[in-house]
Amino acid sequence: METMLDRLKKYFENTSNEQVMKDWKQTEKYDEIDSPSIETFIRESKLLIEVGKLEETLPPENFINNFENPNFSSDFFLPKI
């Protein structure tokens, strides 16, 4: 199975600059979406990894594994108020 990075490399190797710019232009509609920055995403992801490490050291009654709950949604995805 190809990784996302492998597919991205292939895309740039096999796609003309003109087509890349055309494809990029089609993403402009997403520029106005009010969403967390990549820095926020990385910081929150690191925190989730650290919480996952805590699971091994905490007694089960002190840790609720919401990652297996399909209704769970991370704080990261909460809208700004």
N, C-alpha and C. Protein backbone atom coordinates (compact mmCIF):
# COMPACT_ATOMS: atom_id res chain seq x y z
N MET A 1 0.84 -1.18 0.00
CA MET A 1 0.00 0.00 0.00
C MET A 1 0.89 1.24 0.00
N GLU A 2 0.57 2.17 -0.87
CA GLU A 2 1.33 3.41 -0.94
C GLU A 2 0.98 4.34 0.21
N THR A 3 1.98 5.04 0.66
CA THR A 3 1.72 6.05 1.68
C THR A 3 1.25 7.33 1.00
N MET A 4 0.71 8.20 1.80
CA MET A 4 0.27 9.50 1.29
C MET A 4 1.46 10.26 0.69
N LEU A 5 2.61 10.15 1.35
CA LEU A 5 3.81 10.82 0.86
C LEU A 5 4.22 10.27 -0.50
N ASP A 6 4.16 8.94 -0.66
CA ASP A 6 4.50 8.34 -1.95
C ASP A 6 3.58 8.83 -3.06
N ARG A 7 2.29 8.90 -2.76
CA ARG A 7 1.34 9.38 -3.77
C ARG A 7 1.58 10.84 -4.10
N LEU A 8 1.92 11.63 -3.09
CA LEU A 8 2.21 13.05 -3.33
C LEU A 8 3.46 13.22 -4.20
N LYS A 9 4.47 12.44 -3.91
CA LYS A 9 5.69 12.49 -4.73
C LYS A 9 5.38 12.14 -6.18
N LYS A 10 4.59 11.08 -6.39
CA LYS A 10 4.22 10.68 -7.75
C LYS A 10 3.44 11.79 -8.45
N TYR A 11 2.54 12.41 -7.71
CA TYR A 11 1.75 13.49 -8.28
C TYR A 11 2.66 14.59 -8.82
N PHE A 12 3.62 15.03 -8.02
CA PHE A 12 4.50 16.11 -8.46
C PHE A 12 5.47 15.67 -9.54
N GLU A 13 5.85 14.41 -9.54
CA GLU A 13 6.74 13.90 -10.59
C GLU A 13 6.02 13.79 -11.94
N ASN A 14 4.72 13.51 -11.92
CA ASN A 14 3.99 13.20 -13.14
C ASN A 14 2.97 14.25 -13.56
N THR A 15 2.96 15.39 -12.89
CA THR A 15 1.97 16.42 -13.18
C THR A 15 2.68 17.71 -13.58
N SER A 16 2.19 18.32 -14.63
CA SER A 16 2.80 19.57 -15.09
C SER A 16 2.56 20.69 -14.07
N ASN A 17 3.44 21.69 -14.11
CA ASN A 17 3.29 22.84 -13.21
C ASN A 17 1.95 23.55 -13.43
N GLU A 18 1.54 23.61 -14.69
CA GLU A 18 0.27 24.26 -15.00
C GLU A 18 -0.90 23.52 -14.34
N GLN A 19 -0.87 22.19 -14.41
CA GLN A 19 -1.94 21.40 -13.80
C GLN A 19 -1.90 21.52 -12.28
N VAL A 20 -0.70 21.54 -11.70
CA VAL A 20 -0.57 21.70 -10.24
C VAL A 20 -1.20 23.03 -9.83
N MET A 21 -0.91 24.09 -10.57
CA MET A 21 -1.47 25.41 -10.24
C MET A 21 -2.99 25.41 -10.41
N LYS A 22 -3.49 24.74 -11.43
CA LYS A 22 -4.93 24.64 -11.65
C LYS A 22 -5.59 23.88 -10.49
N ASP A 23 -4.98 22.78 -10.09
CA ASP A 23 -5.51 22.01 -8.96
C ASP A 23 -5.48 22.82 -7.67
N TRP A 24 -4.38 23.56 -7.48
CA TRP A 24 -4.24 24.38 -6.28
C TRP A 24 -5.31 25.47 -6.24
N LYS A 25 -5.59 26.05 -7.40
CA LYS A 25 -6.61 27.10 -7.49
C LYS A 25 -7.97 26.58 -7.04
N GLN A 26 -8.24 25.32 -7.30
CA GLN A 26 -9.53 24.74 -6.91
C GLN A 26 -9.69 24.62 -5.40
N THR A 27 -8.62 24.76 -4.67
CA THR A 27 -8.70 24.66 -3.20
C THR A 27 -9.00 26.01 -2.54
N GLU A 28 -9.04 27.08 -3.32
CA GLU A 28 -9.28 28.41 -2.74
C GLU A 28 -10.57 28.49 -1.94
N LYS A 29 -11.58 27.72 -2.33
CA LYS A 29 -12.86 27.76 -1.62
C LYS A 29 -12.69 27.34 -0.16
N TYR A 30 -11.63 26.63 0.15
CA TYR A 30 -11.40 26.18 1.52
C TYR A 30 -10.62 27.19 2.36
N ASP A 31 -10.14 28.26 1.73
CA ASP A 31 -9.36 29.27 2.45
C ASP A 31 -10.18 30.00 3.51
N GLU A 32 -11.46 30.10 3.32
CA GLU A 32 -12.32 30.86 4.22
C GLU A 32 -12.89 30.01 5.37
N ILE A 33 -12.58 28.75 5.39
CA ILE A 33 -13.09 27.89 6.46
C ILE A 33 -12.37 28.23 7.75
N ASP A 34 -13.15 28.48 8.79
CA ASP A 34 -12.58 28.81 10.09
C ASP A 34 -12.22 27.50 10.80
N SER A 35 -10.96 27.16 10.73
CA SER A 35 -10.52 25.89 11.31
C SER A 35 -9.20 26.10 12.06
N PRO A 36 -8.84 25.14 12.89
CA PRO A 36 -7.56 25.26 13.62
C PRO A 36 -6.38 25.28 12.66
N SER A 37 -5.33 25.93 13.08
CA SER A 37 -4.11 25.97 12.27
C SER A 37 -3.41 24.62 12.35
N ILE A 38 -2.46 24.41 11.46
CA ILE A 38 -1.68 23.17 11.48
C ILE A 38 -0.90 23.07 12.79
N GLU A 39 -0.47 24.20 13.32
CA GLU A 39 0.25 24.19 14.59
C GLU A 39 -0.65 23.67 15.72
N THR A 40 -1.90 24.10 15.72
CA THR A 40 -2.86 23.62 16.72
C THR A 40 -3.10 22.13 16.54
N PHE A 41 -3.26 21.70 15.31
CA PHE A 41 -3.48 20.28 15.03
C PHE A 41 -2.31 19.43 15.55
N ILE A 42 -1.09 19.87 15.29
CA ILE A 42 0.09 19.13 15.74
C ILE A 42 0.16 19.10 17.26
N ARG A 43 -0.06 20.25 17.89
CA ARG A 43 -0.02 20.31 19.35
C ARG A 43 -1.06 19.38 19.98
N GLU A 44 -2.29 19.42 19.47
CA GLU A 44 -3.36 18.58 20.00
C GLU A 44 -3.07 17.10 19.74
N SER A 45 -2.49 16.80 18.59
CA SER A 45 -2.15 15.41 18.28
C SER A 45 -1.09 14.89 19.25
N LYS A 46 -0.11 15.71 19.55
CA LYS A 46 0.92 15.31 20.52
C LYS A 46 0.32 15.05 21.89
N LEU A 47 -0.63 15.90 22.29
CA LEU A 47 -1.29 15.70 23.57
C LEU A 47 -2.06 14.38 23.60
N LEU A 48 -2.73 14.05 22.52
CA LEU A 48 -3.46 12.79 22.45
C LEU A 48 -2.51 11.59 22.55
N ILE A 49 -1.35 11.71 21.95
CA ILE A 49 -0.35 10.64 22.05
C ILE A 49 0.10 10.48 23.49
N GLU A 50 0.33 11.60 24.18
CA GLU A 50 0.75 11.54 25.58
C GLU A 50 -0.34 10.94 26.46
N VAL A 51 -1.59 11.29 26.19
CA VAL A 51 -2.69 10.71 26.96
C VAL A 51 -2.74 9.20 26.73
N GLY A 52 -2.50 8.78 25.51
CA GLY A 52 -2.48 7.35 25.22
C GLY A 52 -1.41 6.62 26.01
N LYS A 53 -0.28 7.27 26.24
CA LYS A 53 0.79 6.66 27.04
C LYS A 53 0.39 6.53 28.50
N LEU A 54 -0.41 7.48 28.99
CA LEU A 54 -0.88 7.44 30.38
C LEU A 54 -1.78 6.24 30.65
N GLU A 55 -2.47 5.81 29.63
CA GLU A 55 -3.42 4.71 29.80
C GLU A 55 -2.73 3.48 30.40
N GLU A 56 -1.49 3.27 30.08
CA GLU A 56 -0.76 2.10 30.58
C GLU A 56 -0.47 2.20 32.07
N THR A 57 -0.38 3.43 32.61
CA THR A 57 0.00 3.60 34.01
C THR A 57 -1.16 3.90 34.95
N LEU A 58 -2.30 4.27 34.39
CA LEU A 58 -3.45 4.59 35.24
C LEU A 58 -4.33 3.36 35.45
N PRO A 59 -4.91 3.25 36.64
CA PRO A 59 -5.87 2.16 36.86
C PRO A 59 -7.07 2.34 35.94
N PRO A 60 -7.70 1.26 35.50
CA PRO A 60 -8.81 1.36 34.54
C PRO A 60 -9.95 2.28 34.99
N GLU A 61 -10.21 2.34 36.29
CA GLU A 61 -11.32 3.17 36.75
C GLU A 61 -11.03 4.67 36.61
N ASN A 62 -9.76 5.05 36.39
CA ASN A 62 -9.40 6.46 36.25
C ASN A 62 -9.26 6.91 34.80
N PHE A 63 -9.48 6.01 33.88
CA PHE A 63 -9.27 6.37 32.48
C PHE A 63 -10.39 5.79 31.63
N ILE A 64 -11.10 6.65 30.95
CA ILE A 64 -12.17 6.20 30.06
C ILE A 64 -11.62 6.24 28.64
N ASN A 65 -11.61 5.11 27.99
CA ASN A 65 -11.07 5.04 26.64
C ASN A 65 -12.13 5.48 25.63
N ASN A 66 -12.17 6.76 25.37
CA ASN A 66 -13.14 7.30 24.42
C ASN A 66 -12.74 7.08 22.97
N PHE A 67 -11.53 6.63 22.73
CA PHE A 67 -11.08 6.43 21.36
C PHE A 67 -11.85 5.30 20.69
N GLU A 68 -12.40 4.38 21.47
CA GLU A 68 -13.15 3.28 20.90
C GLU A 68 -14.64 3.60 20.80
N ASN A 69 -15.04 4.75 21.32
CA ASN A 69 -16.43 5.15 21.29
C ASN A 69 -16.70 5.91 19.99
N PRO A 70 -17.58 5.40 19.12
CA PRO A 70 -17.82 6.07 17.84
C PRO A 70 -18.46 7.45 17.99
N ASN A 71 -19.03 7.73 19.16
CA ASN A 71 -19.65 9.03 19.37
C ASN A 71 -18.67 10.05 19.94
N PHE A 72 -17.45 9.62 20.21
CA PHE A 72 -16.45 10.50 20.80
C PHE A 72 -15.92 11.49 19.77
N SER A 73 -15.75 12.71 20.19
CA SER A 73 -15.16 13.72 19.34
C SER A 73 -14.16 14.51 20.18
N SER A 74 -12.97 14.67 19.65
CA SER A 74 -11.92 15.37 20.38
C SER A 74 -12.24 16.85 20.54
N ASP A 75 -11.68 17.48 21.59
CA ASP A 75 -11.82 18.93 21.79
C ASP A 75 -11.34 19.69 20.57
N PHE A 76 -10.38 19.11 19.90
CA PHE A 76 -9.79 19.76 18.74
C PHE A 76 -10.86 20.15 17.71
N PHE A 77 -11.92 19.37 17.64
CA PHE A 77 -12.93 19.60 16.62
C PHE A 77 -14.13 20.41 17.12
N LEU A 78 -14.05 20.91 18.36
CA LEU A 78 -15.13 21.74 18.86
C LEU A 78 -15.11 23.09 18.16
N PRO A 79 -16.27 23.64 17.81
CA PRO A 79 -16.29 24.94 17.13
C PRO A 79 -15.92 26.06 18.10
N LYS A 80 -15.41 27.13 17.53
CA LYS A 80 -15.10 28.31 18.33
C LYS A 80 -16.39 29.01 18.71
N ILE A 81 -16.44 29.52 19.93
CA ILE A 81 -17.65 30.21 20.39
C ILE A 81 -17.32 31.66 20.64
